[in-house]
Amino acid sequence: MVFLHGGCPLMNAATESDDTFPALNRQVKLSFQDWTETISKIIKAGQTNNEFNQEIDPEQYASLFIILIEGGILLSKTTGNEKHLNLALDRILLLVDKEIKKILYKLIVMDKLQALQSFIGKEFTASPSPFMRWLNPVVISAEEGQIEFQYTVREEWLNPMGNMHGGVTAAIMDDIIGATMFSLNEKTSL
């Protein structure tokens, strides 16, 4: 995609207008500021919704993302190899997963039992398991080796007879067993 359309129009305009076309250069600066503010607002919204790490600086991450994207485009265009842009985009995804998303952030800075206990009375949105997040349990209690969750039975969990489907029952049991193991703070790689 980068190769088909000549690279980044902002980078191209910035390069061409640097010393020779001040009016265009001002517009390019405004465009970069707008892009930074847009990314920053998305991160701030995630912080407001308690989905993103509260301790990060949204403006710094927004700038970092743009730096990575623009640098990746520049190297890819210069070398004729998209691997540089792909590497930059992969790094952005890693930053989002490891530093911005609260789900993994909580698991990195506190032990697993503490992470569970911080959700007592709340939905356990910090689970590393997408399936557990779909089941959406509320943590009632959490001690080492002992977990109590509460689940809200949803219509899609019912079988044609109106009872909870056996597969969902098995999934909930598996969910609780996994969370109980999680509470033991055994060393695992995330």
Protein backbone atom coordinates (compact mmCIF):
# COMPACT_ATOMS: atom_id res chain seq x y z
CA MET A 1 0.00 0.00 0.00
CA VAL A 2 2.81 2.44 0.87
CA PHE A 3 4.51 1.78 -2.45
CA LEU A 4 1.36 2.22 -4.54
CA HIS A 5 0.57 5.72 -3.30
CA GLY A 6 3.98 7.38 -2.98
CA GLY A 7 4.44 7.10 0.79
CA CYS A 8 3.04 9.41 3.44
CA PRO A 9 1.61 12.65 2.04
CA LEU A 10 2.44 14.48 5.28
CA MET A 11 6.07 13.37 5.18
CA ASN A 12 6.32 14.25 1.50
CA ALA A 13 4.79 17.68 2.08
CA ALA A 14 7.02 18.28 5.12
CA THR A 15 10.13 17.43 3.12
CA GLU A 16 9.16 19.59 0.14
CA SER A 17 7.98 22.61 2.18
CA ASP A 18 10.64 22.69 4.87
CA ASP A 19 12.53 25.81 3.72
CA THR A 20 10.76 26.86 0.56
CA PHE A 21 7.04 26.98 1.29
CA PRO A 22 6.30 28.24 4.84
CA ALA A 23 2.49 28.28 4.39
CA LEU A 24 2.45 24.59 3.44
CA ASN A 25 4.88 23.82 6.24
CA ARG A 26 2.47 25.39 8.77
CA GLN A 27 -0.35 23.21 7.41
CA VAL A 28 1.82 20.11 7.68
CA LYS A 29 2.64 20.98 11.31
CA LEU A 30 -1.08 21.41 12.03
CA SER A 31 -1.81 18.06 10.40
CA PHE A 32 0.79 16.30 12.54
CA GLN A 33 -0.59 18.04 15.65
CA ASP A 34 -4.12 16.96 14.72
CA TRP A 35 -2.97 13.36 14.18
CA THR A 36 -1.16 13.38 17.54
CA GLU A 37 -4.22 14.83 19.29
CA THR A 38 -6.51 12.23 17.70
CA ILE A 39 -4.37 9.31 18.90
CA SER A 40 -3.96 10.97 22.29
CA LYS A 41 -7.75 11.36 22.65
CA ILE A 42 -8.23 7.65 21.92
CA ILE A 43 -5.72 6.75 24.64
CA LYS A 44 -7.32 9.21 27.08
CA ALA A 45 -10.75 7.70 26.37
CA GLY A 46 -9.35 4.26 27.19
CA GLN A 47 -7.96 5.65 30.44
CA THR A 48 -11.31 7.27 31.27
CA ASN A 49 -13.06 3.93 30.63
CA ASN A 50 -10.51 2.23 32.89
CA GLU A 51 -9.30 0.08 29.97
CA PHE A 52 -5.84 1.62 29.61
CA ASN A 53 -2.98 2.13 32.04
CA GLN A 54 -3.59 5.39 33.94
CA GLU A 55 0.13 6.06 34.42
CA ILE A 56 1.09 6.50 30.77
CA ASP A 57 1.32 9.84 29.00
CA PRO A 58 -1.09 9.78 26.01
CA GLU A 59 0.77 12.53 24.14
CA GLN A 60 4.09 10.70 24.41
CA TYR A 61 2.61 7.46 23.09
CA ALA A 62 0.79 9.30 20.29
CA SER A 63 4.07 10.91 19.22
CA LEU A 64 5.89 7.59 19.49
CA PHE A 65 3.32 5.87 17.26
CA ILE A 66 3.67 8.58 14.61
CA ILE A 67 7.46 8.43 14.82
CA LEU A 68 7.38 4.67 14.32
CA ILE A 69 4.93 4.86 11.42
CA GLU A 70 6.74 7.69 9.63
CA GLY A 71 10.16 6.10 10.19
CA GLY A 72 8.87 2.76 8.95
CA ILE A 73 7.43 4.36 5.82
CA LEU A 74 10.65 6.29 5.18
CA LEU A 75 12.88 3.22 5.46
CA SER A 76 10.48 1.04 3.48
CA LYS A 77 10.24 3.56 0.66
CA THR A 78 13.99 4.20 0.64
CA THR A 79 14.99 0.53 0.64
CA GLY A 80 12.04 -0.77 -1.38
CA ASN A 81 11.30 -3.25 1.38
CA GLU A 82 8.07 -3.11 3.41
CA LYS A 83 9.64 -5.05 6.30
CA HIS A 84 10.62 -1.77 7.99
CA LEU A 85 7.04 -0.50 8.10
CA ASN A 86 5.79 -3.91 9.20
CA LEU A 87 8.37 -3.97 12.00
CA ALA A 88 7.24 -0.50 13.13
CA LEU A 89 3.56 -1.51 13.09
CA ASP A 90 4.33 -4.71 15.01
CA ARG A 91 6.17 -2.63 17.61
CA ILE A 92 3.11 -0.38 17.99
CA LEU A 93 0.91 -3.44 18.60
CA LEU A 94 3.40 -4.70 21.18
CA LEU A 95 3.39 -1.32 22.94
CA VAL A 96 -0.41 -1.33 23.02
CA ASP A 97 -0.54 -4.88 24.40
CA LYS A 98 2.31 -4.60 26.93
CA GLU A 99 2.20 -0.99 28.10
CA ILE A 100 -1.12 0.64 27.26
CA LYS A 101 -3.80 -1.99 27.78
CA LYS A 102 -4.68 -2.22 31.44
CA ILE A 103 -5.38 -5.93 31.11
CA LEU A 104 -1.75 -6.88 30.74
CA TYR A 105 -0.43 -3.88 32.66
CA LYS A 106 -2.07 -5.07 35.86
CA LEU A 107 -0.58 -8.52 35.42
CA ILE A 108 2.91 -7.13 34.90
CA VAL A 109 3.06 -4.73 37.86
CA MET A 110 1.34 -6.86 40.49
CA ASP A 111 1.29 -10.52 41.21
CA LYS A 112 -1.58 -12.56 39.82
CA LEU A 113 -3.41 -12.97 43.12
CA GLN A 114 -3.24 -9.23 43.74
CA ALA A 115 -4.62 -8.64 40.26
CA LEU A 116 -7.57 -10.94 41.01
CA GLN A 117 -8.15 -9.34 44.41
CA SER A 118 -8.18 -5.85 42.89
CA PHE A 119 -11.33 -6.92 41.01
CA ILE A 120 -13.36 -8.16 43.99
CA GLY A 121 -16.91 -6.96 43.40
CA LYS A 122 -16.13 -6.14 39.76
CA GLU A 123 -15.99 -7.88 36.41
CA PHE A 124 -12.59 -9.51 35.87
CA THR A 125 -11.61 -7.54 32.77
CA ALA A 126 -7.89 -8.20 33.36
CA SER A 127 -8.01 -11.86 32.41
CA PRO A 128 -5.36 -12.78 29.85
CA SER A 129 -7.98 -15.15 28.38
CA PRO A 130 -10.32 -13.65 25.76
CA PHE A 131 -12.76 -16.48 26.49
CA MET A 132 -12.87 -15.62 30.19
CA ARG A 133 -13.46 -11.97 29.29
CA TRP A 134 -16.39 -13.17 27.14
CA LEU A 135 -17.80 -15.18 30.06
CA ASN A 136 -17.36 -11.95 32.06
CA PRO A 137 -17.27 -13.21 35.66
CA VAL A 138 -17.53 -10.94 38.68
CA VAL A 139 -14.87 -11.72 41.28
CA ILE A 140 -16.61 -12.43 44.62
CA SER A 141 -13.51 -13.55 46.53
CA ALA A 142 -9.92 -14.44 45.72
CA GLU A 143 -7.43 -16.16 47.97
CA GLU A 144 -4.45 -18.27 47.05
CA GLY A 145 -5.87 -21.47 45.58
CA GLN A 146 -9.50 -20.44 46.14
CA ILE A 147 -11.65 -18.33 43.82
CA GLU A 148 -15.33 -17.45 43.81
CA PHE A 149 -16.86 -15.95 40.67
CA GLN A 150 -20.41 -14.92 39.87
CA TYR A 151 -21.70 -15.24 36.32
CA THR A 152 -24.74 -13.65 34.75
CA VAL A 153 -26.46 -16.25 32.59
CA ARG A 154 -27.15 -14.80 29.17
CA GLU A 155 -29.71 -15.97 26.65
CA GLU A 156 -27.05 -17.24 24.25
CA TRP A 157 -25.86 -19.60 26.99
CA LEU A 158 -29.17 -21.50 27.08
CA ASN A 159 -29.97 -24.72 25.27
CA PRO A 160 -33.29 -25.19 23.41
CA MET A 161 -34.88 -26.41 26.67
CA GLY A 162 -34.09 -23.07 28.37
CA ASN A 163 -31.43 -24.56 30.65
CA MET A 164 -27.80 -23.55 30.69
CA HIS A 165 -25.99 -25.42 27.91
CA GLY A 166 -23.64 -28.14 29.12
CA GLY A 167 -20.79 -26.66 27.10
CA VAL A 168 -21.16 -23.35 28.92
CA THR A 169 -21.26 -25.17 32.26
CA ALA A 170 -18.01 -26.96 31.34
CA ALA A 171 -16.48 -23.66 30.17
CA ILE A 172 -17.34 -21.98 33.48
CA MET A 173 -15.79 -24.87 35.41
CA ASP A 174 -12.67 -24.62 33.25
CA ASP A 175 -12.68 -20.84 33.77
CA ILE A 176 -12.74 -21.20 37.56
CA ILE A 177 -10.06 -23.91 37.57
CA GLY A 178 -7.83 -21.73 35.39
CA ALA A 179 -8.35 -18.68 37.62
CA THR A 180 -7.63 -20.79 40.70
CA MET A 181 -4.33 -21.88 39.16
CA PHE A 182 -3.70 -18.24 38.22
CA SER A 183 -4.12 -17.27 41.91
CA LEU A 184 -1.18 -19.51 42.86
CA ASN A 185 1.22 -17.06 41.20
CA GLU A 186 3.10 -19.77 39.37
CA LYS A 187 5.73 -18.48 36.97
CA THR A 188 4.38 -18.31 33.43
CA SER A 189 5.22 -16.20 30.43
CA LEU A 190 2.60 -13.72 29.24
